[in-house]
N, C-alpha and C. Protein backbone atom coordinates (compact mmCIF):
# COMPACT_ATOMS: atom_id res chain seq x y z
N MET A 1 -12.39 -6.14 5.49
CA MET A 1 -11.53 -7.09 4.83
C MET A 1 -10.43 -7.59 5.74
N SER A 2 -10.19 -6.88 6.82
CA SER A 2 -9.13 -7.28 7.74
C SER A 2 -9.68 -7.85 9.03
N ARG A 3 -10.94 -8.22 9.04
CA ARG A 3 -11.53 -8.79 10.24
C ARG A 3 -11.61 -10.32 10.09
N THR A 4 -10.46 -10.90 9.77
CA THR A 4 -10.35 -12.34 9.55
C THR A 4 -9.36 -12.93 10.55
N PRO A 5 -9.39 -14.26 10.73
CA PRO A 5 -8.42 -14.88 11.64
C PRO A 5 -6.96 -14.63 11.24
N SER A 6 -6.65 -14.69 9.95
CA SER A 6 -5.25 -14.48 9.56
C SER A 6 -4.83 -13.03 9.75
N ALA A 7 -5.72 -12.08 9.51
CA ALA A 7 -5.39 -10.68 9.75
C ALA A 7 -5.20 -10.43 11.25
N PHE A 8 -6.04 -11.05 12.07
CA PHE A 8 -5.91 -10.94 13.52
C PHE A 8 -4.54 -11.46 13.95
N ALA A 9 -4.14 -12.62 13.42
CA ALA A 9 -2.84 -13.21 13.77
C ALA A 9 -1.70 -12.28 13.34
N SER A 10 -1.78 -11.71 12.16
CA SER A 10 -0.74 -10.80 11.68
C SER A 10 -0.66 -9.55 12.55
N PHE A 11 -1.80 -8.97 12.86
CA PHE A 11 -1.82 -7.73 13.64
C PHE A 11 -1.20 -7.93 15.02
N TYR A 12 -1.51 -9.06 15.65
CA TYR A 12 -0.99 -9.32 16.99
C TYR A 12 0.33 -10.09 16.97
N ALA A 13 0.90 -10.29 15.78
CA ALA A 13 2.19 -10.98 15.62
C ALA A 13 2.20 -12.30 16.36
N THR A 14 1.18 -13.10 16.09
CA THR A 14 1.05 -14.40 16.74
C THR A 14 0.78 -15.46 15.68
N THR A 15 0.73 -16.70 16.11
CA THR A 15 0.42 -17.77 15.17
C THR A 15 -1.08 -17.80 14.89
N ARG A 16 -1.45 -18.45 13.81
CA ARG A 16 -2.87 -18.58 13.50
C ARG A 16 -3.58 -19.43 14.55
N GLY A 17 -2.89 -20.40 15.10
CA GLY A 17 -3.48 -21.24 16.14
C GLY A 17 -3.81 -20.44 17.39
N THR A 18 -2.88 -19.60 17.82
CA THR A 18 -3.12 -18.75 18.98
C THR A 18 -4.25 -17.77 18.69
N ALA A 19 -4.23 -17.19 17.50
CA ALA A 19 -5.30 -16.26 17.10
C ALA A 19 -6.65 -16.97 17.11
N SER A 20 -6.68 -18.19 16.62
CA SER A 20 -7.92 -18.95 16.57
C SER A 20 -8.47 -19.20 17.98
N GLN A 21 -7.59 -19.55 18.92
CA GLN A 21 -8.02 -19.78 20.30
C GLN A 21 -8.53 -18.49 20.94
N THR A 22 -7.86 -17.39 20.66
CA THR A 22 -8.30 -16.09 21.20
C THR A 22 -9.67 -15.72 20.64
N ILE A 23 -9.83 -15.91 19.34
CA ILE A 23 -11.12 -15.61 18.71
C ILE A 23 -12.22 -16.49 19.29
N LYS A 24 -11.92 -17.77 19.52
CA LYS A 24 -12.92 -18.67 20.13
C LYS A 24 -13.36 -18.14 21.49
N SER A 25 -12.41 -17.66 22.28
CA SER A 25 -12.75 -17.10 23.60
C SER A 25 -13.62 -15.86 23.46
N LEU A 26 -13.28 -14.99 22.53
CA LEU A 26 -14.06 -13.77 22.33
C LEU A 26 -15.47 -14.09 21.82
N LEU A 27 -15.59 -15.13 21.00
CA LEU A 27 -16.91 -15.57 20.54
C LEU A 27 -17.72 -16.15 21.70
N ALA A 28 -17.07 -16.95 22.54
CA ALA A 28 -17.75 -17.55 23.69
C ALA A 28 -18.25 -16.49 24.67
N LYS A 29 -17.50 -15.41 24.81
CA LYS A 29 -17.91 -14.32 25.70
C LYS A 29 -18.90 -13.38 25.01
N ARG A 30 -19.19 -13.69 23.75
CA ARG A 30 -20.13 -12.90 22.94
C ARG A 30 -19.63 -11.47 22.67
N TYR A 31 -18.31 -11.32 22.60
CA TYR A 31 -17.72 -10.04 22.24
C TYR A 31 -17.61 -9.90 20.73
N LEU A 32 -17.57 -11.03 20.03
CA LEU A 32 -17.49 -11.05 18.58
C LEU A 32 -18.65 -11.85 18.00
N ALA A 33 -19.02 -11.51 16.77
CA ALA A 33 -20.00 -12.28 16.00
C ALA A 33 -19.32 -12.74 14.72
N ARG A 34 -19.56 -13.98 14.34
CA ARG A 34 -18.95 -14.57 13.14
C ARG A 34 -19.92 -14.45 11.97
N HIS A 35 -19.39 -14.03 10.81
CA HIS A 35 -20.21 -13.90 9.61
C HIS A 35 -19.49 -14.60 8.46
N GLU A 36 -20.20 -15.51 7.78
CA GLU A 36 -19.64 -16.17 6.61
C GLU A 36 -19.76 -15.24 5.41
N SER A 37 -18.78 -15.31 4.53
CA SER A 37 -18.80 -14.50 3.31
C SER A 37 -19.87 -15.04 2.37
N ALA A 38 -20.60 -14.13 1.75
CA ALA A 38 -21.62 -14.54 0.78
C ALA A 38 -20.96 -15.09 -0.48
N ASP A 39 -19.76 -14.60 -0.79
CA ASP A 39 -19.06 -15.02 -2.01
C ASP A 39 -18.30 -16.33 -1.84
N ASP A 40 -17.72 -16.54 -0.66
CA ASP A 40 -16.87 -17.70 -0.42
C ASP A 40 -17.16 -18.24 0.98
N ARG A 41 -17.86 -19.32 1.07
CA ARG A 41 -18.28 -19.88 2.36
C ARG A 41 -17.11 -20.24 3.28
N ARG A 42 -15.91 -20.42 2.70
CA ARG A 42 -14.75 -20.73 3.53
C ARG A 42 -14.23 -19.50 4.24
N SER A 43 -14.58 -18.33 3.75
CA SER A 43 -14.08 -17.07 4.30
C SER A 43 -15.05 -16.53 5.35
N VAL A 44 -14.49 -16.08 6.47
CA VAL A 44 -15.32 -15.51 7.53
C VAL A 44 -14.77 -14.15 7.94
N ARG A 45 -15.65 -13.36 8.54
CA ARG A 45 -15.26 -12.07 9.08
C ARG A 45 -15.89 -11.97 10.46
N PHE A 46 -15.25 -11.22 11.33
CA PHE A 46 -15.74 -11.04 12.69
C PHE A 46 -16.06 -9.57 12.94
N ASP A 47 -17.17 -9.35 13.61
CA ASP A 47 -17.58 -7.99 13.97
C ASP A 47 -17.77 -7.93 15.48
N LEU A 48 -17.50 -6.77 16.04
CA LEU A 48 -17.76 -6.56 17.46
C LEU A 48 -19.26 -6.55 17.72
N THR A 49 -19.66 -7.17 18.81
CA THR A 49 -21.05 -7.13 19.23
C THR A 49 -21.24 -5.95 20.17
N ASP A 50 -22.46 -5.72 20.61
CA ASP A 50 -22.71 -4.66 21.58
C ASP A 50 -21.91 -4.92 22.86
N ALA A 51 -21.81 -6.21 23.26
CA ALA A 51 -21.03 -6.55 24.46
C ALA A 51 -19.54 -6.25 24.24
N GLY A 52 -19.04 -6.49 23.03
CA GLY A 52 -17.65 -6.18 22.72
C GLY A 52 -17.39 -4.69 22.74
N LEU A 53 -18.31 -3.93 22.19
CA LEU A 53 -18.18 -2.47 22.22
C LEU A 53 -18.22 -1.94 23.65
N ALA A 54 -19.08 -2.55 24.48
CA ALA A 54 -19.17 -2.14 25.90
C ALA A 54 -17.84 -2.43 26.61
N ALA A 55 -17.24 -3.58 26.31
CA ALA A 55 -15.96 -3.92 26.93
C ALA A 55 -14.88 -2.93 26.51
N LEU A 56 -14.91 -2.48 25.27
CA LEU A 56 -13.92 -1.50 24.80
C LEU A 56 -14.07 -0.15 25.49
N ARG A 57 -15.28 0.18 25.91
CA ARG A 57 -15.47 1.45 26.63
C ARG A 57 -14.71 1.45 27.95
N ASP A 58 -14.42 0.26 28.50
CA ASP A 58 -13.67 0.14 29.74
C ASP A 58 -12.18 -0.11 29.51
N ASP A 59 -11.75 -0.12 28.23
CA ASP A 59 -10.35 -0.37 27.89
C ASP A 59 -9.46 0.73 28.46
N PRO A 60 -8.39 0.35 29.17
CA PRO A 60 -7.48 1.36 29.74
C PRO A 60 -6.86 2.28 28.68
N LEU A 61 -6.73 1.81 27.45
CA LEU A 61 -6.17 2.66 26.40
C LEU A 61 -7.14 3.75 25.95
N ARG A 62 -8.37 3.66 26.38
CA ARG A 62 -9.35 4.70 26.04
C ARG A 62 -8.88 6.07 26.55
N ALA A 63 -8.24 6.09 27.70
CA ALA A 63 -7.72 7.35 28.24
C ALA A 63 -6.68 7.95 27.29
N LEU A 64 -5.88 7.11 26.65
CA LEU A 64 -4.91 7.59 25.67
C LEU A 64 -5.64 8.23 24.49
N SER A 65 -6.67 7.57 24.00
CA SER A 65 -7.45 8.12 22.89
C SER A 65 -8.07 9.46 23.26
N GLU A 66 -8.59 9.55 24.46
CA GLU A 66 -9.20 10.80 24.92
C GLU A 66 -8.16 11.91 25.04
N ALA A 67 -6.96 11.56 25.51
CA ALA A 67 -5.89 12.55 25.63
C ALA A 67 -5.48 13.06 24.25
N ILE A 68 -5.41 12.17 23.28
CA ILE A 68 -5.07 12.57 21.91
C ILE A 68 -6.15 13.49 21.35
N GLU A 69 -7.40 13.17 21.60
CA GLU A 69 -8.51 14.00 21.12
C GLU A 69 -8.44 15.41 21.68
N ARG A 70 -7.90 15.59 22.88
CA ARG A 70 -7.83 16.92 23.50
C ARG A 70 -6.66 17.75 22.98
N LEU A 71 -5.74 17.14 22.24
CA LEU A 71 -4.60 17.90 21.71
C LEU A 71 -5.08 18.95 20.71
N ASP A 72 -4.29 20.02 20.56
CA ASP A 72 -4.67 21.02 19.56
C ASP A 72 -4.45 20.44 18.16
N THR A 73 -5.06 21.07 17.19
CA THR A 73 -5.08 20.57 15.82
C THR A 73 -3.68 20.33 15.26
N GLY A 74 -2.75 21.22 15.54
CA GLY A 74 -1.39 21.07 15.03
C GLY A 74 -0.70 19.82 15.56
N LEU A 75 -0.85 19.58 16.85
CA LEU A 75 -0.23 18.38 17.44
C LEU A 75 -0.90 17.11 16.93
N LYS A 76 -2.23 17.13 16.78
CA LYS A 76 -2.92 15.95 16.23
C LYS A 76 -2.47 15.68 14.80
N SER A 77 -2.28 16.74 14.03
CA SER A 77 -1.82 16.58 12.65
C SER A 77 -0.42 15.99 12.61
N ALA A 78 0.47 16.46 13.47
CA ALA A 78 1.83 15.93 13.54
C ALA A 78 1.81 14.45 13.94
N LEU A 79 0.99 14.12 14.92
CA LEU A 79 0.88 12.73 15.36
C LEU A 79 0.34 11.85 14.24
N ARG A 80 -0.63 12.36 13.49
CA ARG A 80 -1.23 11.61 12.38
C ARG A 80 -0.18 11.33 11.31
N GLN A 81 0.80 12.19 11.16
CA GLN A 81 1.86 11.99 10.18
C GLN A 81 2.94 11.04 10.67
N VAL A 82 3.29 11.12 11.94
CA VAL A 82 4.41 10.33 12.46
C VAL A 82 4.00 8.89 12.80
N LEU A 83 2.79 8.66 13.25
CA LEU A 83 2.40 7.31 13.66
C LEU A 83 2.50 6.26 12.54
N PRO A 84 2.06 6.55 11.31
CA PRO A 84 2.24 5.54 10.26
C PRO A 84 3.70 5.18 10.03
N ALA A 85 4.60 6.16 10.15
CA ALA A 85 6.03 5.87 10.00
C ALA A 85 6.53 4.97 11.12
N VAL A 86 6.09 5.23 12.35
CA VAL A 86 6.48 4.40 13.49
C VAL A 86 5.94 2.98 13.31
N VAL A 87 4.69 2.86 12.89
CA VAL A 87 4.09 1.54 12.66
C VAL A 87 4.87 0.79 11.58
N GLY A 88 5.25 1.50 10.51
CA GLY A 88 6.04 0.87 9.45
C GLY A 88 7.39 0.37 9.95
N GLU A 89 8.05 1.17 10.78
CA GLU A 89 9.35 0.77 11.33
C GLU A 89 9.19 -0.44 12.26
N LEU A 90 8.14 -0.43 13.09
CA LEU A 90 7.90 -1.58 13.97
C LEU A 90 7.63 -2.85 13.17
N ALA A 91 6.87 -2.71 12.10
CA ALA A 91 6.59 -3.88 11.25
C ALA A 91 7.87 -4.41 10.63
N GLU A 92 8.74 -3.49 10.20
CA GLU A 92 10.01 -3.93 9.62
C GLU A 92 10.87 -4.64 10.66
N ILE A 93 10.93 -4.11 11.87
CA ILE A 93 11.71 -4.72 12.94
C ILE A 93 11.16 -6.12 13.24
N ARG A 94 9.83 -6.25 13.27
CA ARG A 94 9.18 -7.53 13.57
C ARG A 94 9.10 -8.44 12.35
N ASP A 95 9.50 -7.93 11.18
CA ASP A 95 9.41 -8.66 9.91
C ASP A 95 7.97 -9.14 9.68
N THR A 96 7.04 -8.19 9.77
CA THR A 96 5.63 -8.51 9.57
C THR A 96 4.99 -7.39 8.76
N VAL A 97 3.72 -7.53 8.47
CA VAL A 97 3.02 -6.51 7.70
C VAL A 97 2.68 -5.32 8.58
N ALA A 98 2.60 -4.16 7.96
CA ALA A 98 2.15 -2.96 8.66
C ALA A 98 0.67 -2.77 8.37
N PHE A 99 -0.04 -2.30 9.34
CA PHE A 99 -1.45 -2.00 9.16
C PHE A 99 -1.61 -0.49 9.10
N GLY A 100 -2.63 -0.04 8.43
CA GLY A 100 -2.93 1.37 8.37
C GLY A 100 -4.36 1.56 7.90
N THR A 101 -4.75 2.81 7.69
CA THR A 101 -6.10 3.11 7.24
C THR A 101 -6.08 3.66 5.82
N CYS A 102 -7.22 3.71 5.22
CA CYS A 102 -7.36 4.08 3.81
C CYS A 102 -6.71 5.40 3.43
N GLY A 103 -6.88 6.42 4.24
CA GLY A 103 -6.38 7.74 3.90
C GLY A 103 -4.87 7.80 3.69
N ASP A 104 -4.13 6.88 4.28
CA ASP A 104 -2.68 6.86 4.15
C ASP A 104 -2.19 5.77 3.19
N CYS A 105 -3.11 5.10 2.50
CA CYS A 105 -2.76 3.94 1.67
C CYS A 105 -2.69 4.29 0.19
N ARG A 106 -1.69 3.75 -0.48
CA ARG A 106 -1.54 4.01 -1.91
C ARG A 106 -2.61 3.31 -2.75
N HIS A 107 -3.32 2.34 -2.20
CA HIS A 107 -4.38 1.64 -2.93
C HIS A 107 -5.70 2.40 -2.93
N PHE A 108 -5.80 3.42 -2.10
CA PHE A 108 -7.06 4.13 -1.89
C PHE A 108 -7.27 5.27 -2.88
N ALA A 109 -8.48 5.33 -3.42
CA ALA A 109 -8.91 6.46 -4.25
C ALA A 109 -10.18 7.00 -3.63
N GLY A 110 -10.11 8.21 -3.11
CA GLY A 110 -11.27 8.83 -2.48
C GLY A 110 -12.01 9.71 -3.45
N GLY A 111 -13.08 10.28 -2.99
CA GLY A 111 -13.90 11.15 -3.82
C GLY A 111 -15.36 10.84 -3.56
N ALA A 112 -16.19 10.95 -4.58
CA ALA A 112 -17.62 10.64 -4.41
C ALA A 112 -17.80 9.17 -4.02
N ILE A 113 -16.92 8.33 -4.54
CA ILE A 113 -16.94 6.90 -4.21
C ILE A 113 -15.56 6.54 -3.67
N SER A 114 -15.51 5.84 -2.54
CA SER A 114 -14.25 5.38 -1.97
C SER A 114 -13.94 4.01 -2.55
N TYR A 115 -12.72 3.85 -3.08
CA TYR A 115 -12.37 2.63 -3.81
C TYR A 115 -11.00 2.14 -3.39
N CYS A 116 -10.88 0.82 -3.23
CA CYS A 116 -9.59 0.19 -2.93
C CYS A 116 -9.12 -0.58 -4.16
N ALA A 117 -8.01 -0.14 -4.75
CA ALA A 117 -7.47 -0.79 -5.94
C ALA A 117 -6.87 -2.15 -5.62
N CYS A 118 -6.44 -2.36 -4.38
CA CYS A 118 -5.83 -3.63 -4.01
C CYS A 118 -6.84 -4.78 -4.10
N VAL A 119 -8.03 -4.54 -3.60
CA VAL A 119 -9.06 -5.58 -3.63
C VAL A 119 -10.11 -5.32 -4.70
N ALA A 120 -9.91 -4.26 -5.48
CA ALA A 120 -10.82 -3.89 -6.56
C ALA A 120 -12.26 -3.84 -6.09
N ALA A 121 -12.50 -3.05 -5.05
CA ALA A 121 -13.85 -2.96 -4.49
C ALA A 121 -14.13 -1.57 -3.95
N GLU A 122 -15.41 -1.21 -4.03
CA GLU A 122 -15.87 0.03 -3.41
C GLU A 122 -15.90 -0.21 -1.90
N LEU A 123 -15.56 0.82 -1.14
CA LEU A 123 -15.49 0.70 0.32
C LEU A 123 -16.67 1.41 0.97
N ALA A 124 -17.17 0.82 2.03
CA ALA A 124 -18.23 1.44 2.82
C ALA A 124 -17.60 2.53 3.69
N MET A 125 -18.33 3.59 3.94
CA MET A 125 -17.83 4.68 4.77
C MET A 125 -17.35 4.17 6.13
N ALA A 126 -18.07 3.21 6.70
CA ALA A 126 -17.72 2.68 8.02
C ALA A 126 -16.35 2.00 8.02
N ASP A 127 -15.87 1.54 6.87
CA ASP A 127 -14.60 0.82 6.80
C ASP A 127 -13.39 1.74 6.63
N LEU A 128 -13.60 2.99 6.27
CA LEU A 128 -12.48 3.88 5.93
C LEU A 128 -11.51 4.12 7.07
N GLY A 129 -11.97 4.17 8.30
CA GLY A 129 -11.08 4.42 9.43
C GLY A 129 -10.57 3.17 10.10
N ARG A 130 -10.93 2.02 9.59
CA ARG A 130 -10.50 0.76 10.20
C ARG A 130 -9.14 0.32 9.66
N LEU A 131 -8.44 -0.44 10.47
CA LEU A 131 -7.14 -0.96 10.06
C LEU A 131 -7.30 -1.99 8.95
N CYS A 132 -6.32 -2.04 8.05
CA CYS A 132 -6.39 -2.95 6.91
C CYS A 132 -5.07 -3.71 6.74
N ILE A 133 -5.18 -5.00 6.50
CA ILE A 133 -4.00 -5.82 6.30
C ILE A 133 -3.38 -5.61 4.92
N ASN A 134 -4.13 -5.07 3.98
CA ASN A 134 -3.62 -4.81 2.63
C ASN A 134 -2.98 -3.43 2.50
N PHE A 135 -2.79 -2.77 3.61
CA PHE A 135 -2.24 -1.42 3.64
C PHE A 135 -0.85 -1.34 3.01
N ALA A 136 -0.64 -0.30 2.22
CA ALA A 136 0.67 0.01 1.67
C ALA A 136 0.83 1.52 1.76
N ALA A 137 1.84 1.97 2.48
CA ALA A 137 2.01 3.40 2.75
C ALA A 137 2.05 4.22 1.47
N ARG A 138 1.29 5.30 1.48
CA ARG A 138 1.25 6.23 0.35
C ARG A 138 2.53 7.06 0.31
N HIS A 139 3.05 7.41 1.48
CA HIS A 139 4.23 8.28 1.57
C HIS A 139 5.47 7.45 1.83
N GLY A 140 6.57 7.92 1.36
CA GLY A 140 7.84 7.22 1.57
C GLY A 140 8.16 6.33 0.39
N GLY A 141 9.42 6.02 0.23
CA GLY A 141 9.87 5.28 -0.93
C GLY A 141 9.62 3.79 -0.88
N LYS A 142 9.58 3.21 0.29
CA LYS A 142 9.47 1.75 0.35
C LYS A 142 8.09 1.33 0.83
N PRO A 143 7.58 0.24 0.28
CA PRO A 143 6.30 -0.26 0.78
C PRO A 143 6.51 -0.85 2.16
N VAL A 144 5.50 -0.75 3.02
CA VAL A 144 5.65 -1.30 4.36
C VAL A 144 4.87 -2.59 4.54
N SER A 145 4.19 -3.03 3.50
CA SER A 145 3.53 -4.32 3.64
C SER A 145 3.96 -5.22 2.49
N PRO A 146 4.25 -6.49 2.78
CA PRO A 146 4.66 -7.41 1.73
C PRO A 146 3.58 -7.47 0.65
N GLY A 147 3.99 -7.51 -0.61
CA GLY A 147 3.04 -7.60 -1.71
C GLY A 147 2.51 -6.25 -2.15
N ALA A 148 2.90 -5.17 -1.48
CA ALA A 148 2.36 -3.85 -1.80
C ALA A 148 2.71 -3.42 -3.23
N GLU A 149 3.88 -3.77 -3.68
CA GLU A 149 4.30 -3.37 -5.03
C GLU A 149 3.51 -4.10 -6.10
N THR A 150 3.12 -5.34 -5.83
CA THR A 150 2.41 -6.14 -6.81
C THR A 150 0.91 -6.08 -6.65
N GLY A 151 0.46 -5.52 -5.52
CA GLY A 151 -0.97 -5.43 -5.26
C GLY A 151 -1.56 -6.71 -4.71
N LYS A 152 -0.70 -7.69 -4.38
CA LYS A 152 -1.19 -8.95 -3.83
C LYS A 152 -1.63 -8.76 -2.39
N SER A 153 -2.71 -9.41 -2.02
CA SER A 153 -3.16 -9.39 -0.62
C SER A 153 -2.26 -10.27 0.20
N THR A 154 -2.17 -9.93 1.48
CA THR A 154 -1.40 -10.77 2.40
C THR A 154 -2.29 -11.29 3.48
C-alpha cells in the first residue's frame, strides 16, 4: 500500500515531481516494475524487479544491516524499540509522516489473520515487514503520522 509515487515522495521528503522523475529513472533501468490497481486504474504500485534486488545487494547500507544482524538479542531488541521513536522524532522535525511496520502500528491486528484497520484489509505475510505510509505508532501518547487519530490515509 506504500509502494506508490506519493508514498515515495513522502518517505524521501521530496516533491511528487521529483519522486516521479526518480521513479521514471528506476523504471528505465528496469529496477522497478509498474502495476495498475485492479480496483482503481488510476492507482499504481511499484515492485522491485530482480535487477532492483540485485542492485540492493550492492547497497553500501547492506553492511549496516549485516552488523545489526550480528548483534546479540538484547541489543537488537533495544534497537527495535528505540528506532521507531527516533523515526517519529525525525518526522516531527521535518513536519512529515513517519513510516513504520505493522508490528509497531496501532492499526495492526495480528493472529491467524493479519489485518490493517486503517485500510480495512487483510495483509499478506510478505507485506508485514515493509514500511507503510499509514503507520501510526502503537506506543507513546501522540500519533506520529497525520490522520492517525481519525484513521485517514495520508
